[in-house]
Amino acid sequence: SLPDRWIRSRLAKTVAEVREHIEHYRLDLAAKALYEFTWNAYCDWYLELTKPLLQDADTPAATRTATQRTLIEVLEALLRALHPITPFITEEIWQRVARVAGIEGDTIMLQPYPAVSDFEVDEAAEQQLEWITGFILGIRQIRGEMDISPGKPLTVLLQDLSPDDADKLQQHRLFIKRLARLDEIQPLAAGEEPPASATALLGNMKILVPMAGLIDVDAERKRLQKQLDRATSDLQKISAKLANENFVSRAPEAVVAKERARQDELQQEISQLGEQTAKLAELE
């Protein structure tokens, strides 16, 4: 499955990073990389992404088995990667995990350290998951800032979908609905005017949560104003930097291009936030 390919790719990159840090005696950076993978990738996202696959009755048996296998294989490799830094707890857990993973041996200490080649880098899977997590985090941001219960099912409207967005939505609707706690996802037709909604942006696509009867209008206005102030401040800084001839002439071309792209993104974000603020009057 996509989550399986994604977590294996992330682990391959993490092992490469950790090996490089160890070779340069930067055990602090090695520990940091392993911590971030364990907590953010494996525990936070991957375990949650596996639940729809393991719990959905329509999941093919082969997919369910592959997911279970990936869960245990990644955990076993992660324990070996962590062992030099946290030896005792990894030994204790490995003694139980190794049997499930079908690995023979008396101790984790005599097992080989994970190699980069043990897992395959999959950039396509990582890009797909970045879109999924961006969508889910956008919904969670709206819930958090508008004090909407995490368990309350929401109807979400999508505006300005690109063909790529529509394709990703079709492929990954199960993950999005389960992890974001959504009741419905409704793409809007071109030119269709949405109701006043709380908004999150994913690229050029707008993720809209209709606000009627759901949220406090004053709170939403304050939330949008906070985002607008932040975006305006960032735009002023970038514009001042790009107006500086010394920066433009001396900075690497790639750096200047990145700043210009960010300037365009902020201008678009400010415009969209202004539109959403104006629509709040409809609810008063």
C-alpha atoms as a PDB file:
ATOM      1  CA  SER A   1       0.000   0.000   0.000  1.00  0.00           C
ATOM      2  CA  LEU A   2       0.985   3.641  -0.274  1.00  0.00           C
ATOM      3  CA  PRO A   3       1.638   4.020   3.491  1.00  0.00           C
ATOM      4  CA  ASP A   4       3.853   0.906   3.407  1.00  0.00           C
ATOM      5  CA  ARG A   5       5.956   2.289   0.559  1.00  0.00           C
ATOM      6  CA  TRP A   6       6.122   5.680   2.253  1.00  0.00           C
ATOM      7  CA  ILE A   7       7.345   4.443   5.646  1.00  0.00           C
ATOM      8  CA  ARG A   8       9.959   2.202   4.010  1.00  0.00           C
ATOM      9  CA  SER A   9      11.210   5.146   1.977  1.00  0.00           C
ATOM     10  CA  ARG A  10      11.388   7.370   5.047  1.00  0.00           C
ATOM     11  CA  LEU A  11      13.273   4.669   6.940  1.00  0.00           C
ATOM     12  CA  ALA A  12      15.805   4.277   4.109  1.00  0.00           C
ATOM     13  CA  LYS A  13      16.504   8.021   4.202  1.00  0.00           C
ATOM     14  CA  THR A  14      16.678   8.027   8.006  1.00  0.00           C
ATOM     15  CA  VAL A  15      19.184   5.154   8.062  1.00  0.00           C
ATOM     16  CA  ALA A  16      21.348   6.966   5.505  1.00  0.00           C
ATOM     17  CA  GLU A  17      21.235  10.143   7.596  1.00  0.00           C
ATOM     18  CA  VAL A  18      21.975   8.329  10.846  1.00  0.00           C
ATOM     19  CA  ARG A  19      24.919   6.422   9.370  1.00  0.00           C
ATOM     20  CA  GLU A  20      26.421   9.676   8.102  1.00  0.00           C
ATOM     21  CA  HIS A  21      26.044  11.335  11.510  1.00  0.00           C
ATOM     22  CA  ILE A  22      27.621   8.371  13.289  1.00  0.00           C
ATOM     23  CA  GLU A  23      30.579   8.388  10.896  1.00  0.00           C
ATOM     24  CA  HIS A  24      31.171  12.028  11.841  1.00  0.00           C
ATOM     25  CA  TYR A  25      30.720  11.286  15.568  1.00  0.00           C
ATOM     26  CA  ARG A  26      27.542  13.405  15.745  1.00  0.00           C
ATOM     27  CA  LEU A  27      25.553  11.093  17.991  1.00  0.00           C
ATOM     28  CA  ASP A  28      23.320  14.013  18.943  1.00  0.00           C
ATOM     29  CA  LEU A  29      22.165  14.445  15.348  1.00  0.00           C
ATOM     30  CA  ALA A  30      21.833  10.685  14.900  1.00  0.00           C
ATOM     31  CA  ALA A  31      19.587  10.499  17.963  1.00  0.00           C
ATOM     32  CA  LYS A  32      17.544  13.460  16.731  1.00  0.00           C
ATOM     33  CA  ALA A  33      16.962  11.855  13.308  1.00  0.00           C
ATOM     34  CA  LEU A  34      15.876   8.568  14.899  1.00  0.00           C
ATOM     35  CA  TYR A  35      13.608  10.343  17.364  1.00  0.00           C
ATOM     36  CA  GLU A  36      11.881  12.300  14.588  1.00  0.00           C
ATOM     37  CA  PHE A  37      11.352   9.175  12.502  1.00  0.00           C
ATOM     38  CA  THR A  38      10.063   7.140  15.444  1.00  0.00           C
ATOM     39  CA  TRP A  39       7.708   9.756  16.782  1.00  0.00           C
ATOM     40  CA  ASN A  40       6.609  11.731  13.715  1.00  0.00           C
ATOM     41  CA  ALA A  41       6.726   9.195  10.878  1.00  0.00           C
ATOM     42  CA  TYR A  42       6.171   5.767  12.452  1.00  0.00           C
ATOM     43  CA  CYS A  43       4.047   6.492  15.523  1.00  0.00           C
ATOM     44  CA  ASP A  44       2.218   9.664  14.517  1.00  0.00           C
ATOM     45  CA  TRP A  45       1.423   9.028  10.853  1.00  0.00           C
ATOM     46  CA  TYR A  46       2.129   5.448   9.831  1.00  0.00           C
ATOM     47  CA  LEU A  47       0.277   3.753  12.677  1.00  0.00           C
ATOM     48  CA  GLU A  48      -2.748   5.952  12.008  1.00  0.00           C
ATOM     49  CA  LEU A  49      -2.604   5.300   8.260  1.00  0.00           C
ATOM     50  CA  THR A  50      -2.574   1.546   8.808  1.00  0.00           C
ATOM     51  CA  LYS A  51      -5.818   1.557  10.807  1.00  0.00           C
ATOM     52  CA  PRO A  52      -8.155   2.104   7.829  1.00  0.00           C
ATOM     53  CA  LEU A  53      -6.369  -0.682   5.946  1.00  0.00           C
ATOM     54  CA  LEU A  54      -6.502  -3.128   8.833  1.00  0.00           C
ATOM     55  CA  GLN A  55     -10.027  -2.274   9.981  1.00  0.00           C
ATOM     56  CA  ASP A  56     -11.823  -1.856   6.650  1.00  0.00           C
ATOM     57  CA  ALA A  57     -13.640  -5.048   5.642  1.00  0.00           C
ATOM     58  CA  ASP A  58     -13.071  -4.216   1.962  1.00  0.00           C
ATOM     59  CA  THR A  59      -9.285  -4.239   2.258  1.00  0.00           C
ATOM     60  CA  PRO A  60      -7.845  -7.146   0.219  1.00  0.00           C
ATOM     61  CA  ALA A  61      -6.245  -9.873   2.330  1.00  0.00           C
ATOM     62  CA  ALA A  62      -2.905  -9.411   0.561  1.00  0.00           C
ATOM     63  CA  THR A  63      -2.878  -5.682   1.412  1.00  0.00           C
ATOM     64  CA  ARG A  64      -3.731  -6.384   5.044  1.00  0.00           C
ATOM     65  CA  THR A  65      -0.946  -8.986   5.290  1.00  0.00           C
ATOM     66  CA  ALA A  66       1.576  -6.663   3.643  1.00  0.00           C
ATOM     67  CA  THR A  67       0.670  -3.894   6.083  1.00  0.00           C
ATOM     68  CA  GLN A  68       1.124  -6.185   9.083  1.00  0.00           C
ATOM     69  CA  ARG A  69       4.454  -7.335   7.666  1.00  0.00           C
ATOM     70  CA  THR A  70       5.650  -3.768   7.133  1.00  0.00           C
ATOM     71  CA  LEU A  71       4.614  -2.785  10.651  1.00  0.00           C
ATOM     72  CA  ILE A  72       6.806  -5.475  12.187  1.00  0.00           C
ATOM     73  CA  GLU A  73       9.725  -5.222   9.722  1.00  0.00           C
ATOM     74  CA  VAL A  74      10.061  -1.464  10.162  1.00  0.00           C
ATOM     75  CA  LEU A  75       9.791  -1.773  13.949  1.00  0.00           C
ATOM     76  CA  GLU A  76      12.464  -4.480  14.060  1.00  0.00           C
ATOM     77  CA  ALA A  77      14.855  -2.444  11.877  1.00  0.00           C
ATOM     78  CA  LEU A  78      14.138   0.665  13.928  1.00  0.00           C
ATOM     79  CA  LEU A  79      15.041  -1.161  17.139  1.00  0.00           C
ATOM     80  CA  ARG A  80      18.400  -2.145  15.616  1.00  0.00           C
ATOM     81  CA  ALA A  81      19.002   1.453  14.554  1.00  0.00           C
ATOM     82  CA  LEU A  82      18.154   2.747  18.040  1.00  0.00           C
ATOM     83  CA  HIS A  83      20.087   0.097  19.941  1.00  0.00           C
ATOM     84  CA  PRO A  84      23.454   1.933  20.246  1.00  0.00           C
ATOM     85  CA  ILE A  85      21.642   4.921  21.750  1.00  0.00           C
ATOM     86  CA  THR A  86      18.992   3.211  23.914  1.00  0.00           C
ATOM     87  CA  PRO A  87      20.382  -0.293  24.450  1.00  0.00           C
ATOM     88  CA  PHE A  88      18.305  -1.752  27.264  1.00  0.00           C
ATOM     89  CA  ILE A  89      14.763  -0.982  26.159  1.00  0.00           C
ATOM     90  CA  THR A  90      15.517  -1.910  22.543  1.00  0.00           C
ATOM     91  CA  GLU A  91      16.886  -5.282  23.659  1.00  0.00           C
ATOM     92  CA  GLU A  92      13.776  -5.929  25.738  1.00  0.00           C
ATOM     93  CA  ILE A  93      11.385  -5.073  22.908  1.00  0.00           C
ATOM     94  CA  TRP A  94      13.456  -6.834  20.250  1.00  0.00           C
ATOM     95  CA  GLN A  95      13.288 -10.134  22.133  1.00  0.00           C
ATOM     96  CA  ARG A  96       9.529 -10.089  21.507  1.00  0.00           C
ATOM     97  CA  VAL A  97       9.526  -8.520  18.045  1.00  0.00           C
ATOM     98  CA  ALA A  98      12.179 -10.810  16.565  1.00  0.00           C
ATOM     99  CA  ARG A  99      10.015 -13.903  17.021  1.00  0.00           C
ATOM    100  CA  VAL A 100       7.095 -12.260  15.228  1.00  0.00           C
ATOM    101  CA  ALA A 101       9.390 -11.039  12.445  1.00  0.00           C
ATOM    102  CA  GLY A 102      10.848 -14.522  12.000  1.00  0.00           C
ATOM    103  CA  ILE A 103      14.391 -13.500  12.948  1.00  0.00           C
ATOM    104  CA  GLU A 104      16.638 -15.927  14.759  1.00  0.00           C
ATOM    105  CA  GLY A 105      19.188 -14.769  17.285  1.00  0.00           C
ATOM    106  CA  ASP A 106      19.864 -14.541  20.993  1.00  0.00           C
ATOM    107  CA  THR A 107      20.392 -10.787  21.250  1.00  0.00           C
ATOM    108  CA  ILE A 108      19.965  -7.604  19.266  1.00  0.00           C
ATOM    109  CA  MET A 109      23.621  -6.796  20.005  1.00  0.00           C
ATOM    110  CA  LEU A 110      24.757  -9.388  17.456  1.00  0.00           C
ATOM    111  CA  GLN A 111      22.365  -8.304  14.732  1.00  0.00           C
ATOM    112  CA  PRO A 112      23.647  -6.185  11.806  1.00  0.00           C
ATOM    113  CA  TYR A 113      23.031  -2.453  11.869  1.00  0.00           C
ATOM    114  CA  PRO A 114      20.356  -1.467   9.276  1.00  0.00           C
ATOM    115  CA  ALA A 115      21.691  -0.743   5.794  1.00  0.00           C
ATOM    116  CA  VAL A 116      20.271   1.873   3.442  1.00  0.00           C
ATOM    117  CA  SER A 117      19.735  -0.838   0.835  1.00  0.00           C
ATOM    118  CA  ASP A 118      17.430  -2.765   3.190  1.00  0.00           C
ATOM    119  CA  PHE A 119      14.582  -0.412   2.233  1.00  0.00           C
ATOM    120  CA  GLU A 120      13.779   1.312  -1.038  1.00  0.00           C
ATOM    121  CA  VAL A 121      13.476   5.076  -1.470  1.00  0.00           C
ATOM    122  CA  ASP A 122      10.163   5.935  -3.129  1.00  0.00           C
ATOM    123  CA  GLU A 123       9.869   9.636  -3.955  1.00  0.00           C
ATOM    124  CA  ALA A 124       6.461   9.200  -5.585  1.00  0.00           C
ATOM    125  CA  ALA A 125       5.026   7.672  -2.410  1.00  0.00           C
ATOM    126  CA  GLU A 126       6.471  10.496  -0.322  1.00  0.00           C
ATOM    127  CA  GLN A 127       4.891  13.130  -2.559  1.00  0.00           C
ATOM    128  CA  GLN A 128       1.519  11.385  -2.350  1.00  0.00           C
ATOM    129  CA  LEU A 129       1.703  11.191   1.442  1.00  0.00           C
ATOM    130  CA  GLU A 130       2.746  14.840   1.676  1.00  0.00           C
ATOM    131  CA  TRP A 131      -0.517  15.752  -0.060  1.00  0.00           C
ATOM    132  CA  ILE A 132      -2.559  13.508   2.255  1.00  0.00           C
ATOM    133  CA  THR A 133      -0.947  14.814   5.440  1.00  0.00           C
ATOM    134  CA  GLY A 134      -1.283  18.414   4.208  1.00  0.00           C
ATOM    135  CA  PHE A 135      -5.013  17.864   3.701  1.00  0.00           C
ATOM    136  CA  ILE A 136      -5.483  16.281   7.132  1.00  0.00           C
ATOM    137  CA  LEU A 137      -3.401  18.930   8.919  1.00  0.00           C
ATOM    138  CA  GLY A 138      -5.475  21.646   7.256  1.00  0.00           C
ATOM    139  CA  ILE A 139      -8.659  20.150   8.720  1.00  0.00           C
ATOM    140  CA  ARG A 140      -7.031  19.705  12.119  1.00  0.00           C
ATOM    141  CA  GLN A 141      -5.862  23.321  12.080  1.00  0.00           C
ATOM    142  CA  ILE A 142      -9.412  24.530  11.480  1.00  0.00           C
ATOM    143  CA  ARG A 143     -10.748  22.269  14.240  1.00  0.00           C
ATOM    144  CA  GLY A 144      -8.129  23.466  16.710  1.00  0.00           C
ATOM    145  CA  GLU A 145      -8.432  27.165  15.999  1.00  0.00           C
ATOM    146  CA  MET A 146     -12.234  27.098  15.874  1.00  0.00           C
ATOM    147  CA  ASP A 147     -12.597  24.822  18.919  1.00  0.00           C
ATOM    148  CA  ILE A 148     -14.464  22.140  16.944  1.00  0.00           C
ATOM    149  CA  SER A 149     -14.469  18.719  18.620  1.00  0.00           C
ATOM    150  CA  PRO A 150     -11.912  16.321  17.040  1.00  0.00           C
ATOM    151  CA  GLY A 151     -14.590  13.624  16.886  1.00  0.00           C
ATOM    152  CA  LYS A 152     -17.304  15.705  15.226  1.00  0.00           C
ATOM    153  CA  PRO A 153     -17.838  14.556  11.622  1.00  0.00           C
ATOM    154  CA  LEU A 154     -17.500  17.440   9.180  1.00  0.00           C
ATOM    155  CA  THR A 155     -18.630  18.129   5.650  1.00  0.00           C
ATOM    156  CA  VAL A 156     -15.793  19.602   3.591  1.00  0.00           C
ATOM    157  CA  LEU A 157     -16.015  21.493   0.313  1.00  0.00           C
ATOM    158  CA  LEU A 158     -13.089  21.668  -2.102  1.00  0.00           C
ATOM    159  CA  GLN A 159     -12.568  24.582  -4.457  1.00  0.00           C
ATOM    160  CA  ASP A 160     -10.095  25.089  -7.317  1.00  0.00           C
ATOM    161  CA  LEU A 161      -9.061  21.441  -7.573  1.00  0.00           C
ATOM    162  CA  SER A 162      -6.447  20.696 -10.182  1.00  0.00           C
ATOM    163  CA  PRO A 163      -6.676  17.419 -12.127  1.00  0.00           C
ATOM    164  CA  ASP A 164      -3.853  16.143  -9.919  1.00  0.00           C
ATOM    165  CA  ASP A 165      -5.782  17.082  -6.760  1.00  0.00           C
ATOM    166  CA  ALA A 166      -8.874  15.315  -8.047  1.00  0.00           C
ATOM    167  CA  ASP A 167      -6.863  12.199  -8.852  1.00  0.00           C
ATOM    168  CA  LYS A 168      -5.261  12.135  -5.394  1.00  0.00           C
ATOM    169  CA  LEU A 169      -8.649  12.639  -3.763  1.00  0.00           C
ATOM    170  CA  GLN A 170     -10.073   9.693  -5.661  1.00  0.00           C
ATOM    171  CA  GLN A 171      -7.163   7.445  -4.681  1.00  0.00           C
ATOM    172  CA  HIS A 172      -6.842   8.446  -1.041  1.00  0.00           C
ATOM    173  CA  ARG A 173     -10.371   9.324   0.045  1.00  0.00           C
ATOM    174  CA  LEU A 174     -10.399   6.484   2.612  1.00  0.00           C
ATOM    175  CA  PHE A 175      -7.329   7.799   4.460  1.00  0.00           C
ATOM    176  CA  ILE A 176      -8.558  11.400   4.400  1.00  0.00           C
ATOM    177  CA  LYS A 177     -12.080  10.665   5.637  1.00  0.00           C
ATOM    178  CA  ARG A 178     -10.893   8.382   8.444  1.00  0.00           C
ATOM    179  CA  LEU A 179      -7.973  10.435   9.738  1.00  0.00           C
ATOM    180  CA  ALA A 180      -9.612  13.852   9.346  1.00  0.00           C
ATOM    181  CA  ARG A 181     -12.967  12.587  10.728  1.00  0.00           C
ATOM    182  CA  LEU A 182     -14.975  13.721   7.703  1.00  0.00           C
ATOM    183  CA  ASP A 183     -18.551  12.851   6.856  1.00  0.00           C
ATOM    184  CA  GLU A 184     -18.525  14.105   3.271  1.00  0.00           C
ATOM    185  CA  ILE A 185     -16.039  15.581   0.791  1.00  0.00           C
ATOM    186  CA  GLN A 186     -17.700  17.602  -1.960  1.00  0.00           C
ATOM    187  CA  PRO A 187     -15.678  19.197  -4.790  1.00  0.00           C
ATOM    188  CA  LEU A 188     -17.269  22.413  -6.045  1.00  0.00           C
ATOM    189  CA  ALA A 189     -17.928  22.941  -9.732  1.00  0.00           C
ATOM    190  CA  ALA A 190     -15.939  25.617 -11.549  1.00  0.00           C
ATOM    191  CA  GLY A 191     -17.470  29.011 -10.787  1.00  0.00           C
ATOM    192  CA  GLU A 192     -19.676  27.651  -8.003  1.00  0.00           C
ATOM    193  CA  GLU A 193     -19.784  30.059  -5.102  1.00  0.00           C
ATOM    194  CA  PRO A 194     -19.190  28.392  -1.710  1.00  0.00           C
ATOM    195  CA  PRO A 195     -20.912  29.436   1.514  1.00  0.00           C
ATOM    196  CA  ALA A 196     -18.987  31.290   4.193  1.00  0.00           C
ATOM    197  CA  SER A 197     -16.414  28.773   5.352  1.00  0.00           C
ATOM    198  CA  ALA A 198     -13.301  28.310   7.423  1.00  0.00           C
ATOM    199  CA  THR A 199     -10.462  27.791   4.972  1.00  0.00           C
ATOM    200  CA  ALA A 200      -7.204  25.896   4.750  1.00  0.00           C
ATOM    201  CA  LEU A 201      -4.979  25.966   1.678  1.00  0.00           C
ATOM    202  CA  LEU A 202      -3.284  23.000   0.046  1.00  0.00           C
ATOM    203  CA  GLY A 203      -1.338  24.401  -2.865  1.00  0.00           C
ATOM    204  CA  ASN A 204      -3.937  26.259  -4.950  1.00  0.00           C
ATOM    205  CA  MET A 205      -6.796  24.134  -3.644  1.00  0.00           C
ATOM    206  CA  LYS A 206      -9.052  25.547  -0.935  1.00  0.00           C
ATOM    207  CA  ILE A 207     -10.330  23.202   1.775  1.00  0.00           C
ATOM    208  CA  LEU A 208     -13.569  24.721   3.061  1.00  0.00           C
ATOM    209  CA  VAL A 209     -15.520  23.879   6.206  1.00  0.00           C
ATOM    210  CA  PRO A 210     -18.945  25.607   6.033  1.00  0.00           C
ATOM    211  CA  MET A 211     -19.379  27.710   9.147  1.00  0.00           C
ATOM    212  CA  ALA A 212     -23.170  28.131   9.365  1.00  0.00           C
ATOM    213  CA  GLY A 213     -24.293  26.784  12.725  1.00  0.00           C
ATOM    214  CA  LEU A 214     -20.853  25.358  13.386  1.00  0.00           C
ATOM    215  CA  ILE A 215     -18.481  28.042  14.592  1.00  0.00           C
ATOM    216  CA  ASP A 216     -18.247  31.437  16.249  1.00  0.00           C
ATOM    217  CA  VAL A 217     -18.110  34.175  13.597  1.00  0.00           C
ATOM    218  CA  ASP A 218     -16.043  36.534  15.759  1.00  0.00           C
ATOM    219  CA  ALA A 219     -13.557  33.756  16.535  1.00  0.00           C
ATOM    220  CA  GLU A 220     -13.220  32.923  12.841  1.00  0.00           C
ATOM    221  CA  ARG A 221     -12.665  36.591  11.994  1.00  0.00           C
ATOM    222  CA  LYS A 222      -9.893  36.761  14.577  1.00  0.00           C
ATOM    223  CA  ARG A 223      -8.346  33.543  13.213  1.00  0.00           C
ATOM    224  CA  LEU A 224      -8.335  34.877   9.659  1.00  0.00           C
ATOM    225  CA  GLN A 225      -6.951  38.218  10.797  1.00  0.00           C
ATOM    226  CA  LYS A 226      -4.139  36.460  12.636  1.00  0.00           C
ATOM    227  CA  GLN A 227      -3.233  34.529   9.480  1.00  0.00           C
ATOM    228  CA  LEU A 228      -3.528  37.707   7.409  1.00  0.00           C
ATOM    229  CA  ASP A 229      -1.223  39.650   9.745  1.00  0.00           C
ATOM    230  CA  ARG A 230       1.365  36.874   9.641  1.00  0.00           C
ATOM    231  CA  ALA A 231       1.231  36.568   5.854  1.00  0.00           C
ATOM    232  CA  THR A 232       1.413  40.346   5.426  1.00  0.00           C
ATOM    233  CA  SER A 233       4.437  40.569   7.721  1.00  0.00           C
ATOM    234  CA  ASP A 234       6.208  37.757   5.851  1.00  0.00           C
ATOM    235  CA  LEU A 235       5.410  39.388   2.507  1.00  0.00           C
ATOM    236  CA  GLN A 236       6.842  42.706   3.650  1.00  0.00           C
ATOM    237  CA  LYS A 237      10.090  41.037   4.695  1.00  0.00           C
ATOM    238  CA  ILE A 238      10.462  39.115   1.442  1.00  0.00           C
ATOM    239  CA  SER A 239       9.531  42.154  -0.673  1.00  0.00           C
ATOM    240  CA  ALA A 240      12.122  44.255   1.139  1.00  0.00           C
ATOM    241  CA  LYS A 241      14.730  41.564   0.538  1.00  0.00           C
ATOM    242  CA  LEU A 242      13.929  41.341  -3.179  1.00  0.00           C
ATOM    243  CA  ALA A 243      13.998  45.142  -3.445  1.00  0.00           C
ATOM    244  CA  ASN A 244      17.583  45.078  -2.177  1.00  0.00           C
ATOM    245  CA  GLU A 245      19.820  45.098  -5.254  1.00  0.00           C
ATOM    246  CA  ASN A 246      22.757  43.723  -3.258  1.00  0.00           C
ATOM    247  CA  PHE A 247      20.754  40.640  -2.301  1.00  0.00           C
ATOM    248  CA  VAL A 248      19.395  40.040  -5.801  1.00  0.00           C
ATOM    249  CA  SER A 249      22.783  40.437  -7.460  1.00  0.00           C
ATOM    250  CA  ARG A 250      24.865  38.477  -4.946  1.00  0.00           C
ATOM    251  CA  ALA A 251      22.583  35.673  -3.766  1.00  0.00           C
ATOM    252  CA  PRO A 252      22.557  32.378  -5.710  1.00  0.00           C
ATOM    253  CA  GLU A 253      19.982  32.308  -8.476  1.00  0.00           C
ATOM    254  CA  ALA A 254      18.132  29.408  -6.858  1.00  0.00           C
ATOM    255  CA  VAL A 255      17.767  31.353  -3.600  1.00  0.00           C
ATOM    256  CA  VAL A 256      16.362  34.406  -5.365  1.00  0.00           C
ATOM    257  CA  ALA A 257      13.944  32.227  -7.347  1.00  0.00           C
ATOM    258  CA  LYS A 258      12.754  30.583  -4.136  1.00  0.00           C
ATOM    259  CA  GLU A 259      12.112  33.969  -2.539  1.00  0.00           C
ATOM    260  CA  ARG A 260      10.144  35.157  -5.587  1.00  0.00           C
ATOM    261  CA  ALA A 261       8.034  31.998  -5.540  1.00  0.00           C
ATOM    262  CA  ARG A 262       7.335  32.494  -1.846  1.00  0.00           C
ATOM    263  CA  GLN A 263       6.376  36.119  -2.560  1.00  0.00           C
ATOM    264  CA  ASP A 264       3.801  34.943  -5.120  1.00  0.00           C
ATOM    265  CA  GLU A 265       2.413  32.364  -2.679  1.00  0.00           C
ATOM    266  CA  LEU A 266       1.987  34.966   0.056  1.00  0.00           C
ATOM    267  CA  GLN A 267       0.251  37.400  -2.296  1.00  0.00           C
ATOM    268  CA  GLN A 268      -2.185  34.668  -3.279  1.00  0.00           C
ATOM    269  CA  GLU A 269      -2.756  33.677   0.345  1.00  0.00           C
ATOM    270  CA  ILE A 270      -3.466  37.291   1.361  1.00  0.00           C
ATOM    271  CA  SER A 271      -5.984  37.628  -1.461  1.00  0.00           C
ATOM    272  CA  GLN A 272      -7.784  34.435  -0.473  1.00  0.00           C
ATOM    273  CA  LEU A 273      -7.852  35.359   3.213  1.00  0.00           C
ATOM    274  CA  GLY A 274      -9.379  38.710   2.285  1.00  0.00           C
ATOM    275  CA  GLU A 275     -12.124  36.947   0.335  1.00  0.00           C
ATOM    276  CA  GLN A 276     -12.927  34.649   3.245  1.00  0.00           C
ATOM    277  CA  THR A 277     -13.058  37.547   5.698  1.00  0.00           C
ATOM    278  CA  ALA A 278     -15.521  39.371   3.475  1.00  0.00           C
ATOM    279  CA  LYS A 279     -17.814  36.328   3.397  1.00  0.00           C
ATOM    280  CA  LEU A 280     -18.159  36.314   7.183  1.00  0.00           C
ATOM    281  CA  ALA A 281     -20.692  39.142   6.862  1.00  0.00           C
ATOM    282  CA  GLU A 282     -23.105  36.594   5.365  1.00  0.00           C
ATOM    283  CA  LEU A 283     -23.350  34.838   8.731  1.00  0.00           C
ATOM    284  CA  GLU A 284     -24.129  37.920  10.792  1.00  0.00           C
END
